[in-house]
Each structure stands twice: as C-alpha cells, then as structure tokens.
Amino acid sequence: MKITKDMNIIEVVQKYPETIEVFMYAGMGCFGCHVAQFETVEEGARAHGIDVDALVDALNEIVDAVEAEEVATAK
C-alpha cells in the first residue's frame, strides 16, 4: 500500500497527482486548501463524512493503475 490514512493530503497529491480526481470525486477539494498541508487523509475524510478505508483503497487503486499503465507502455 503506497498511500496510508496518516499521510498528509498535500503529500499524497504532490507524490501522486493522479489522486486529485479521486479526492474530487469523493467531494474533497482539500488539496487546494491550506489545511491540506497539515490534515491527514483520515482527518479530511472524517471531516467530510467519507469512509476512510474506502478512500485509501480508491487512492491506491488509481496509483496502481497508473503505474501499471506506465510499465505497459514502457515495454
């Protein structure tokens, strides 16, 4: 698992920009907020009434999919 619930939201978005769509779909535009620098994925999810584990799973799924696509196109 690349992304965990204790990572800061901005850290996740900077390292994995493809996760922006997942946050937006979940109703979390937090990456544009100054609080995202200090707020963890878990804190942000709870503040928005989102299932933390489901969000972390979705974030990791998109990262895995993008990485798999990059590997496939590199061959």
Protein backbone atom coordinates (compact mmCIF):
# COMPACT_ATOMS: atom_id res chain seq x y z
CA MET A 1 0.00 0.00 0.00
CA LYS A 2 1.53 3.27 -1.12
CA ILE A 3 -0.93 5.67 0.46
CA THR A 4 -1.94 5.42 4.10
CA LYS A 5 -4.55 7.27 6.10
CA ASP A 6 -1.90 9.01 8.20
CA MET A 7 -0.28 10.76 5.21
CA ASN A 8 -0.94 14.47 4.70
CA ILE A 9 -3.34 15.19 1.86
CA ILE A 10 -0.91 17.57 0.15
CA GLU A 11 1.86 14.96 0.42
CA VAL A 12 -0.36 12.43 -1.37
CA VAL A 13 -1.33 14.87 -4.13
CA GLN A 14 2.24 16.04 -4.69
CA LYS A 15 3.61 12.50 -4.87
CA TYR A 16 0.66 11.07 -6.80
CA PRO A 17 -1.08 13.83 -8.80
CA GLU A 18 -3.45 11.28 -10.33
CA THR A 19 -5.19 11.09 -6.93
CA ILE A 20 -6.67 14.57 -7.38
CA GLU A 21 -9.56 13.05 -9.32
CA VAL A 22 -10.29 10.58 -6.51
CA PHE A 23 -10.35 13.35 -3.91
CA MET A 24 -12.59 15.47 -6.14
CA TYR A 25 -14.98 12.58 -6.82
CA ALA A 26 -15.21 11.96 -3.07
CA GLY A 27 -16.13 15.62 -2.54
CA MET A 28 -12.78 16.63 -1.11
CA GLY A 29 -11.22 19.62 -2.81
CA CYS A 30 -8.85 19.74 0.14
CA PHE A 31 -5.65 19.74 -1.85
CA GLY A 32 -6.29 23.41 -2.70
CA CYS A 33 -6.85 24.34 0.93
CA HIS A 34 -4.05 25.45 3.24
CA VAL A 35 -5.32 22.95 5.80
CA ALA A 36 -4.29 20.11 3.44
CA GLN A 37 -0.67 20.74 4.38
CA PHE A 38 -1.42 19.65 7.93
CA GLU A 39 -4.51 17.45 7.59
CA THR A 40 -4.13 13.72 7.06
CA VAL A 41 -6.19 11.70 4.63
CA GLU A 42 -8.04 10.25 7.61
CA GLU A 43 -8.80 13.66 9.14
CA GLY A 44 -10.00 15.03 5.81
CA ALA A 45 -12.18 12.02 5.13
CA ARG A 46 -13.75 12.14 8.57
CA ALA A 47 -14.40 15.88 8.25
CA HIS A 48 -16.29 15.18 5.01
CA GLY A 49 -18.12 12.09 6.29
CA ILE A 50 -16.23 9.75 3.95
CA ASP A 51 -15.29 6.16 4.74
CA VAL A 52 -11.53 6.40 5.38
CA ASP A 53 -10.65 2.85 4.36
CA ALA A 54 -12.66 3.06 1.14
CA LEU A 55 -10.95 6.34 0.25
CA VAL A 56 -7.47 4.95 0.90
CA ASP A 57 -8.33 1.88 -1.18
CA ALA A 58 -9.54 4.07 -4.07
CA LEU A 59 -6.43 6.25 -3.88
CA ASN A 60 -4.16 3.21 -4.01
CA GLU A 61 -6.16 1.66 -6.85
CA ILE A 62 -5.66 4.71 -9.07
CA VAL A 63 -1.95 4.87 -8.26
CA ASP A 64 -1.56 1.17 -9.03
CA ALA A 65 -3.47 1.55 -12.31
CA VAL A 66 -1.35 4.49 -13.44
CA GLU A 67 1.86 2.69 -12.53
CA ALA A 68 0.74 -0.47 -14.36
CA GLU A 69 -0.07 1.59 -17.44
CA GLU A 70 3.36 3.25 -17.32
CA VAL A 71 5.06 -0.15 -17.12
CA ALA A 72 2.97 -1.49 -20.01
CA THR A 73 3.76 1.47 -22.27
CA ALA A 74 7.47 1.31 -21.42
CA LYS A 75 7.74 -2.17 -22.93
